[in-house]
Amino acid sequence: MYAARTFVALTTLSGGTAVEVGRAADIPRTRVYDAVDELSEAGLVDIDDTTPKRFTPVGVAEAADLLLGESETRAETLQDALTTLEAERDRS
């Protein structure tokens, strides 16, 4: 939940510090860091190693592509797992 709100705030602000994002998203500053780490791992936010740290979101189109790709990968993984389970059940 914090990650989504953080990404929306960063997109609205075109980037910012934890304090700025926390104010814009109405979330605690300490939770912004956790959310930004999660978003960074997903490739949705760049972290500038400055003091204070600044966070910059990727563009909306790039974010949509990344999230769509992740969803497709999860769906394919689920389909493969279900196919394997069905094949094992049929052999029993």
N, C-alpha and C. Protein backbone atom coordinates (compact mmCIF):
# COMPACT_ATOMS: atom_id res chain seq x y z
N MET A 1 0.81 -1.19 0.00
CA MET A 1 0.00 0.00 0.00
C MET A 1 0.86 1.26 0.00
N TYR A 2 1.90 1.28 0.85
CA TYR A 2 2.78 2.45 0.88
C TYR A 2 3.53 2.61 -0.42
N ALA A 3 3.88 1.51 -1.06
CA ALA A 3 4.64 1.60 -2.31
C ALA A 3 3.82 2.30 -3.39
N ALA A 4 2.56 1.94 -3.51
CA ALA A 4 1.71 2.56 -4.52
C ALA A 4 1.54 4.05 -4.25
N ARG A 5 1.28 4.40 -3.01
CA ARG A 5 1.11 5.81 -2.65
C ARG A 5 2.40 6.58 -2.86
N THR A 6 3.53 5.94 -2.56
CA THR A 6 4.82 6.58 -2.75
C THR A 6 5.08 6.83 -4.23
N PHE A 7 4.76 5.82 -5.07
CA PHE A 7 4.99 5.99 -6.51
C PHE A 7 4.12 7.11 -7.07
N VAL A 8 2.87 7.15 -6.67
CA VAL A 8 1.97 8.21 -7.14
C VAL A 8 2.50 9.58 -6.71
N ALA A 9 2.93 9.69 -5.47
CA ALA A 9 3.47 10.97 -4.97
C ALA A 9 4.72 11.36 -5.74
N LEU A 10 5.61 10.40 -5.96
CA LEU A 10 6.84 10.70 -6.71
C LEU A 10 6.52 11.13 -8.13
N THR A 11 5.55 10.49 -8.74
CA THR A 11 5.17 10.85 -10.10
C THR A 11 4.57 12.25 -10.13
N THR A 12 3.74 12.55 -9.15
CA THR A 12 3.13 13.88 -9.06
C THR A 12 4.19 14.96 -8.85
N LEU A 13 5.16 14.66 -8.00
CA LEU A 13 6.22 15.62 -7.67
C LEU A 13 7.36 15.62 -8.69
N SER A 14 7.40 14.62 -9.55
CA SER A 14 8.53 14.40 -10.47
C SER A 14 9.81 14.09 -9.70
N GLY A 15 9.66 13.52 -8.51
CA GLY A 15 10.80 13.14 -7.67
C GLY A 15 10.78 13.93 -6.38
N GLY A 16 11.61 13.50 -5.44
CA GLY A 16 11.67 14.23 -4.18
C GLY A 16 12.41 13.46 -3.11
N THR A 17 12.49 14.07 -1.95
CA THR A 17 13.11 13.45 -0.78
C THR A 17 12.05 12.70 0.02
N ALA A 18 12.49 11.96 1.02
CA ALA A 18 11.55 11.21 1.85
C ALA A 18 10.57 12.15 2.56
N VAL A 19 11.04 13.28 3.00
CA VAL A 19 10.16 14.24 3.67
C VAL A 19 9.10 14.75 2.70
N GLU A 20 9.53 15.14 1.49
CA GLU A 20 8.58 15.66 0.49
C GLU A 20 7.56 14.61 0.09
N VAL A 21 8.05 13.39 -0.14
CA VAL A 21 7.16 12.31 -0.55
C VAL A 21 6.20 11.95 0.58
N GLY A 22 6.72 11.89 1.79
CA GLY A 22 5.87 11.58 2.94
C GLY A 22 4.74 12.58 3.09
N ARG A 23 5.05 13.84 2.92
CA ARG A 23 4.01 14.88 3.01
C ARG A 23 2.99 14.72 1.88
N ALA A 24 3.48 14.53 0.67
CA ALA A 24 2.59 14.42 -0.48
C ALA A 24 1.71 13.18 -0.42
N ALA A 25 2.27 12.09 0.10
CA ALA A 25 1.53 10.82 0.15
C ALA A 25 0.81 10.61 1.47
N ASP A 26 1.07 11.49 2.43
CA ASP A 26 0.50 11.38 3.77
C ASP A 26 0.85 10.03 4.41
N ILE A 27 2.16 9.72 4.34
CA ILE A 27 2.68 8.52 4.99
C ILE A 27 3.92 8.91 5.80
N PRO A 28 4.25 8.13 6.83
CA PRO A 28 5.43 8.45 7.64
C PRO A 28 6.72 8.39 6.80
N ARG A 29 7.59 9.33 7.06
CA ARG A 29 8.86 9.42 6.33
C ARG A 29 9.62 8.10 6.38
N THR A 30 9.63 7.44 7.53
CA THR A 30 10.37 6.19 7.66
C THR A 30 9.81 5.10 6.74
N ARG A 31 8.51 5.13 6.48
CA ARG A 31 7.89 4.14 5.58
C ARG A 31 8.20 4.45 4.12
N VAL A 32 8.50 5.72 3.84
CA VAL A 32 8.87 6.10 2.47
C VAL A 32 10.12 5.33 2.06
N TYR A 33 11.08 5.22 2.96
CA TYR A 33 12.32 4.51 2.63
C TYR A 33 12.05 3.05 2.28
N ASP A 34 11.20 2.39 3.06
CA ASP A 34 10.85 1.00 2.76
C ASP A 34 10.16 0.90 1.40
N ALA A 35 9.22 1.81 1.15
CA ALA A 35 8.47 1.79 -0.11
C ALA A 35 9.40 2.06 -1.29
N VAL A 36 10.31 3.01 -1.14
CA VAL A 36 11.24 3.34 -2.22
C VAL A 36 12.17 2.16 -2.51
N ASP A 37 12.61 1.47 -1.48
CA ASP A 37 13.44 0.28 -1.69
C ASP A 37 12.69 -0.76 -2.52
N GLU A 38 11.41 -0.98 -2.16
CA GLU A 38 10.58 -1.93 -2.90
C GLU A 38 10.40 -1.49 -4.35
N LEU A 39 10.14 -0.22 -4.55
CA LEU A 39 9.95 0.32 -5.89
C LEU A 39 11.25 0.27 -6.70
N SER A 40 12.35 0.51 -6.04
CA SER A 40 13.65 0.46 -6.71
C SER A 40 13.97 -0.96 -7.19
N GLU A 41 13.69 -1.94 -6.34
CA GLU A 41 13.91 -3.34 -6.71
C GLU A 41 13.07 -3.73 -7.92
N ALA A 42 11.91 -3.12 -8.05
CA ALA A 42 11.02 -3.40 -9.19
C ALA A 42 11.40 -2.58 -10.42
N GLY A 43 12.39 -1.71 -10.29
CA GLY A 43 12.83 -0.90 -11.41
C GLY A 43 11.98 0.33 -11.64
N LEU A 44 11.18 0.72 -10.64
CA LEU A 44 10.25 1.83 -10.82
C LEU A 44 10.76 3.17 -10.29
N VAL A 45 11.82 3.13 -9.49
CA VAL A 45 12.35 4.36 -8.90
C VAL A 45 13.87 4.30 -8.90
N ASP A 46 14.48 5.44 -9.21
CA ASP A 46 15.93 5.58 -9.09
C ASP A 46 16.23 6.33 -7.80
N ILE A 47 17.28 5.89 -7.11
CA ILE A 47 17.68 6.52 -5.84
C ILE A 47 19.00 7.24 -6.07
N ASP A 48 18.99 8.55 -5.84
CA ASP A 48 20.22 9.34 -5.93
C ASP A 48 20.88 9.34 -4.56
N ASP A 49 22.13 8.94 -4.52
CA ASP A 49 22.85 8.83 -3.25
C ASP A 49 23.40 10.19 -2.85
N THR A 50 22.49 11.09 -2.51
CA THR A 50 22.84 12.43 -2.07
C THR A 50 22.40 12.57 -0.62
N THR A 51 22.65 13.74 -0.04
CA THR A 51 22.18 14.00 1.30
C THR A 51 21.30 15.24 1.25
N PRO A 52 20.01 15.12 1.52
CA PRO A 52 19.27 13.87 1.71
C PRO A 52 19.09 13.13 0.39
N LYS A 53 18.78 11.84 0.51
CA LYS A 53 18.56 11.04 -0.69
C LYS A 53 17.38 11.59 -1.47
N ARG A 54 17.51 11.55 -2.80
CA ARG A 54 16.42 11.97 -3.68
C ARG A 54 15.97 10.76 -4.48
N PHE A 55 14.68 10.70 -4.72
CA PHE A 55 14.08 9.59 -5.43
C PHE A 55 13.39 10.10 -6.69
N THR A 56 13.62 9.40 -7.80
CA THR A 56 13.04 9.81 -9.08
C THR A 56 12.30 8.61 -9.68
N PRO A 57 11.03 8.80 -10.01
CA PRO A 57 10.28 7.69 -10.60
C PRO A 57 10.61 7.54 -12.09
N VAL A 58 10.46 6.33 -12.60
CA VAL A 58 10.55 6.15 -14.05
C VAL A 58 9.28 6.74 -14.64
N GLY A 59 9.25 6.90 -15.94
CA GLY A 59 8.07 7.44 -16.59
C GLY A 59 6.88 6.50 -16.44
N VAL A 60 5.70 7.06 -16.59
CA VAL A 60 4.48 6.29 -16.42
C VAL A 60 4.40 5.16 -17.44
N ALA A 61 4.78 5.41 -18.68
CA ALA A 61 4.73 4.36 -19.71
C ALA A 61 5.69 3.23 -19.38
N GLU A 62 6.89 3.58 -18.92
CA GLU A 62 7.87 2.55 -18.54
C GLU A 62 7.37 1.75 -17.34
N ALA A 63 6.77 2.43 -16.38
CA ALA A 63 6.22 1.75 -15.20
C ALA A 63 5.13 0.77 -15.62
N ALA A 64 4.27 1.21 -16.53
CA ALA A 64 3.18 0.34 -17.00
C ALA A 64 3.76 -0.89 -17.69
N ASP A 65 4.78 -0.70 -18.51
CA ASP A 65 5.42 -1.83 -19.20
C ASP A 65 6.05 -2.80 -18.21
N LEU A 66 6.73 -2.27 -17.21
CA LEU A 66 7.36 -3.13 -16.20
C LEU A 66 6.32 -3.93 -15.43
N LEU A 67 5.25 -3.27 -15.01
CA LEU A 67 4.21 -3.95 -14.24
C LEU A 67 3.46 -4.97 -15.09
N LEU A 68 3.22 -4.64 -16.35
CA LEU A 68 2.56 -5.59 -17.24
C LEU A 68 3.44 -6.82 -17.45
N GLY A 69 4.72 -6.61 -17.66
CA GLY A 69 5.65 -7.72 -17.83
C GLY A 69 5.69 -8.61 -16.61
N GLU A 70 5.68 -8.01 -15.43
CA GLU A 70 5.68 -8.79 -14.19
C GLU A 70 4.40 -9.61 -14.06
N SER A 71 3.29 -9.01 -14.40
CA SER A 71 2.00 -9.73 -14.34
C SER A 71 1.98 -10.89 -15.32
N GLU A 72 2.50 -10.68 -16.52
CA GLU A 72 2.54 -11.75 -17.52
C GLU A 72 3.43 -12.90 -17.06
N THR A 73 4.57 -12.56 -16.46
CA THR A 73 5.48 -13.59 -15.95
C THR A 73 4.81 -14.40 -14.85
N ARG A 74 4.12 -13.73 -13.94
CA ARG A 74 3.42 -14.44 -12.87
C ARG A 74 2.33 -15.34 -13.42
N ALA A 75 1.60 -14.85 -14.41
CA ALA A 75 0.53 -15.65 -15.02
C ALA A 75 1.11 -16.89 -15.71
N GLU A 76 2.23 -16.73 -16.39
CA GLU A 76 2.87 -17.86 -17.06
C GLU A 76 3.37 -18.88 -16.04
N THR A 77 3.94 -18.41 -14.95
CA THR A 77 4.42 -19.30 -13.89
C THR A 77 3.26 -20.08 -13.28
N LEU A 78 2.16 -19.40 -13.03
CA LEU A 78 0.98 -20.06 -12.49
C LEU A 78 0.45 -21.10 -13.47
N GLN A 79 0.37 -20.75 -14.74
CA GLN A 79 -0.12 -21.68 -15.75
C GLN A 79 0.77 -22.93 -15.82
N ASP A 80 2.08 -22.74 -15.80
CA ASP A 80 3.00 -23.87 -15.83
C ASP A 80 2.81 -24.77 -14.60
N ALA A 81 2.66 -24.16 -13.43
CA ALA A 81 2.48 -24.94 -12.20
C ALA A 81 1.18 -25.72 -12.25
N LEU A 82 0.11 -25.11 -12.72
CA LEU A 82 -1.18 -25.79 -12.81
C LEU A 82 -1.15 -26.92 -13.84
N THR A 83 -0.46 -26.71 -14.94
CA THR A 83 -0.32 -27.75 -15.95
C THR A 83 0.44 -28.94 -15.39
N THR A 84 1.50 -28.68 -14.63
CA THR A 84 2.28 -29.74 -14.01
C THR A 84 1.42 -30.51 -13.00
N LEU A 85 0.68 -29.80 -12.17
CA LEU A 85 -0.19 -30.46 -11.19
C LEU A 85 -1.25 -31.30 -11.87
N GLU A 86 -1.81 -30.80 -12.94
CA GLU A 86 -2.84 -31.55 -13.66
C GLU A 86 -2.26 -32.82 -14.27
N ALA A 87 -1.05 -32.71 -14.83
CA ALA A 87 -0.40 -33.88 -15.42
C ALA A 87 -0.10 -34.94 -14.35
N GLU A 88 0.35 -34.49 -13.18
CA GLU A 88 0.64 -35.42 -12.08
C GLU A 88 -0.64 -36.08 -11.59
N ARG A 89 -1.71 -35.33 -11.51
CA ARG A 89 -3.00 -35.87 -11.09
C ARG A 89 -3.51 -36.92 -12.08
N ASP A 90 -3.34 -36.65 -13.35
CA ASP A 90 -3.80 -37.59 -14.39
C ASP A 90 -2.99 -38.89 -14.37
N ARG A 91 -1.73 -38.82 -13.95
CA ARG A 91 -0.89 -40.03 -13.87
C ARG A 91 -1.25 -40.90 -12.67
N SER A 92 -1.90 -40.32 -11.70
CA SER A 92 -2.23 -41.05 -10.47
C SER A 92 -3.42 -41.97 -10.63
